[in-house]
Amino acid sequence: MPDSNAVERTIRPIALNRKNALFAGHDAGAENWAAIASLIETCKLNAVDPHAWLAKTLKAIVDGHPQCQIADLLPWNYPVNV
């Protein structure tokens, strides 16, 4: 019988996010939750520390990063060795 533990470990975070999103409280809250969860998972896929990326991105926005250059702040443009 094949072992499915690796697959189960892989999909567990997705299932937990889906379960937690049920308690967003409002459609707008659920959309915001989905956007943040998507960005965090994108960080993981690009080998970027989500906490470091989020801290740097929020600081850049507060410091006046131009909206026309928002693509520079996306996880796949974040330098991994920062």
C-alpha atoms as a PDB file:
ATOM      1  CA  MET A   1       0.000   0.000   0.000  1.00  0.00           C
ATOM      2  CA  PRO A   2       1.466   3.395  -0.998  1.00  0.00           C
ATOM      3  CA  ASP A   3       2.229   5.926   1.721  1.00  0.00           C
ATOM      4  CA  SER A   4       0.308   9.200   1.424  1.00  0.00           C
ATOM      5  CA  ASN A   5       1.869  11.078   4.348  1.00  0.00           C
ATOM      6  CA  ALA A   6       3.891  13.393   2.090  1.00  0.00           C
ATOM      7  CA  VAL A   7       0.774  14.384   0.165  1.00  0.00           C
ATOM      8  CA  GLU A   8      -1.228  14.889   3.347  1.00  0.00           C
ATOM      9  CA  ARG A   9       1.487  17.132   4.821  1.00  0.00           C
ATOM     10  CA  THR A  10       1.541  19.142   1.603  1.00  0.00           C
ATOM     11  CA  ILE A  11      -2.198  19.843   1.517  1.00  0.00           C
ATOM     12  CA  ARG A  12      -2.675  20.379   5.272  1.00  0.00           C
ATOM     13  CA  PRO A  13      -1.879  24.152   5.180  1.00  0.00           C
ATOM     14  CA  ILE A  14      -4.322  24.629   2.298  1.00  0.00           C
ATOM     15  CA  ALA A  15      -7.082  22.866   4.216  1.00  0.00           C
ATOM     16  CA  LEU A  16      -6.353  24.896   7.354  1.00  0.00           C
ATOM     17  CA  ASN A  17      -6.461  28.170   5.409  1.00  0.00           C
ATOM     18  CA  ARG A  18      -9.774  27.174   3.882  1.00  0.00           C
ATOM     19  CA  LYS A  19     -11.186  26.308   7.302  1.00  0.00           C
ATOM     20  CA  ASN A  20      -9.909  29.552   8.867  1.00  0.00           C
ATOM     21  CA  ALA A  21     -11.318  31.629   5.989  1.00  0.00           C
ATOM     22  CA  LEU A  22     -14.811  30.488   6.978  1.00  0.00           C
ATOM     23  CA  PHE A  23     -14.518  32.782   9.981  1.00  0.00           C
ATOM     24  CA  ALA A  24     -13.539  35.916   8.060  1.00  0.00           C
ATOM     25  CA  GLY A  25     -16.896  37.405   9.057  1.00  0.00           C
ATOM     26  CA  HIS A  26     -17.692  39.202   5.802  1.00  0.00           C
ATOM     27  CA  ASP A  27     -17.162  38.833   2.062  1.00  0.00           C
ATOM     28  CA  ALA A  28     -14.629  41.679   2.028  1.00  0.00           C
ATOM     29  CA  GLY A  29     -12.781  40.071   4.932  1.00  0.00           C
ATOM     30  CA  ALA A  30     -12.682  36.765   3.075  1.00  0.00           C
ATOM     31  CA  GLU A  31     -11.305  38.473  -0.042  1.00  0.00           C
ATOM     32  CA  ASN A  32      -8.608  40.177   2.029  1.00  0.00           C
ATOM     33  CA  TRP A  33      -7.793  36.865   3.718  1.00  0.00           C
ATOM     34  CA  ALA A  34      -7.488  35.182   0.322  1.00  0.00           C
ATOM     35  CA  ALA A  35      -5.156  37.895  -0.987  1.00  0.00           C
ATOM     36  CA  ILE A  36      -2.846  37.716   2.031  1.00  0.00           C
ATOM     37  CA  ALA A  37      -2.856  33.896   2.093  1.00  0.00           C
ATOM     38  CA  SER A  38      -2.044  33.885  -1.607  1.00  0.00           C
ATOM     39  CA  LEU A  39       0.896  36.266  -1.142  1.00  0.00           C
ATOM     40  CA  ILE A  40       2.243  34.256   1.791  1.00  0.00           C
ATOM     41  CA  GLU A  41       2.058  31.001  -0.162  1.00  0.00           C
ATOM     42  CA  THR A  42       3.761  32.763  -3.096  1.00  0.00           C
ATOM     43  CA  CYS A  43       6.582  33.736  -0.720  1.00  0.00           C
ATOM     44  CA  LYS A  44       6.981  30.109   0.289  1.00  0.00           C
ATOM     45  CA  LEU A  45       7.044  28.962  -3.331  1.00  0.00           C
ATOM     46  CA  ASN A  46       9.794  31.496  -4.074  1.00  0.00           C
ATOM     47  CA  ALA A  47      11.871  30.536  -0.996  1.00  0.00           C
ATOM     48  CA  VAL A  48      11.201  33.922   0.630  1.00  0.00           C
ATOM     49  CA  ASP A  49      10.606  34.323   4.367  1.00  0.00           C
ATOM     50  CA  PRO A  50       6.977  35.580   4.496  1.00  0.00           C
ATOM     51  CA  HIS A  51       7.500  37.580   7.703  1.00  0.00           C
ATOM     52  CA  ALA A  52      10.588  39.368   6.382  1.00  0.00           C
ATOM     53  CA  TRP A  53       8.903  40.053   3.040  1.00  0.00           C
ATOM     54  CA  LEU A  54       5.752  41.427   4.656  1.00  0.00           C
ATOM     55  CA  ALA A  55       7.708  43.644   7.068  1.00  0.00           C
ATOM     56  CA  LYS A  56       9.859  45.077   4.275  1.00  0.00           C
ATOM     57  CA  THR A  57       6.875  45.537   1.947  1.00  0.00           C
ATOM     58  CA  LEU A  58       4.750  47.333   4.547  1.00  0.00           C
ATOM     59  CA  LYS A  59       7.704  49.576   5.448  1.00  0.00           C
ATOM     60  CA  ALA A  60       8.227  50.423   1.772  1.00  0.00           C
ATOM     61  CA  ILE A  61       4.538  51.331   1.385  1.00  0.00           C
ATOM     62  CA  VAL A  62       4.596  53.511   4.516  1.00  0.00           C
ATOM     63  CA  ASP A  63       7.799  55.183   3.289  1.00  0.00           C
ATOM     64  CA  GLY A  64       6.032  56.203   0.066  1.00  0.00           C
ATOM     65  CA  HIS A  65       6.904  53.515  -2.476  1.00  0.00           C
ATOM     66  CA  PRO A  66       5.347  54.689  -5.791  1.00  0.00           C
ATOM     67  CA  GLN A  67       2.152  52.854  -6.767  1.00  0.00           C
ATOM     68  CA  CYS A  68       3.321  52.642 -10.379  1.00  0.00           C
ATOM     69  CA  GLN A  69       6.197  50.410  -9.185  1.00  0.00           C
ATOM     70  CA  ILE A  70       4.142  48.082  -6.978  1.00  0.00           C
ATOM     71  CA  ALA A  71       5.344  45.042  -8.964  1.00  0.00           C
ATOM     72  CA  ASP A  72       8.798  45.616  -7.423  1.00  0.00           C
ATOM     73  CA  LEU A  73       7.359  44.628  -4.036  1.00  0.00           C
ATOM     74  CA  LEU A  74       5.913  41.269  -5.078  1.00  0.00           C
ATOM     75  CA  PRO A  75       7.449  38.158  -3.509  1.00  0.00           C
ATOM     76  CA  TRP A  76       9.161  36.893  -6.674  1.00  0.00           C
ATOM     77  CA  ASN A  77      11.061  40.218  -6.916  1.00  0.00           C
ATOM     78  CA  TYR A  78      12.208  40.077  -3.282  1.00  0.00           C
ATOM     79  CA  PRO A  79      15.915  39.305  -2.933  1.00  0.00           C
ATOM     80  CA  VAL A  80      16.147  35.917  -1.212  1.00  0.00           C
ATOM     81  CA  ASN A  81      19.410  36.610   0.595  1.00  0.00           C
ATOM     82  CA  VAL A  82      18.217  39.772   2.385  1.00  0.00           C
END
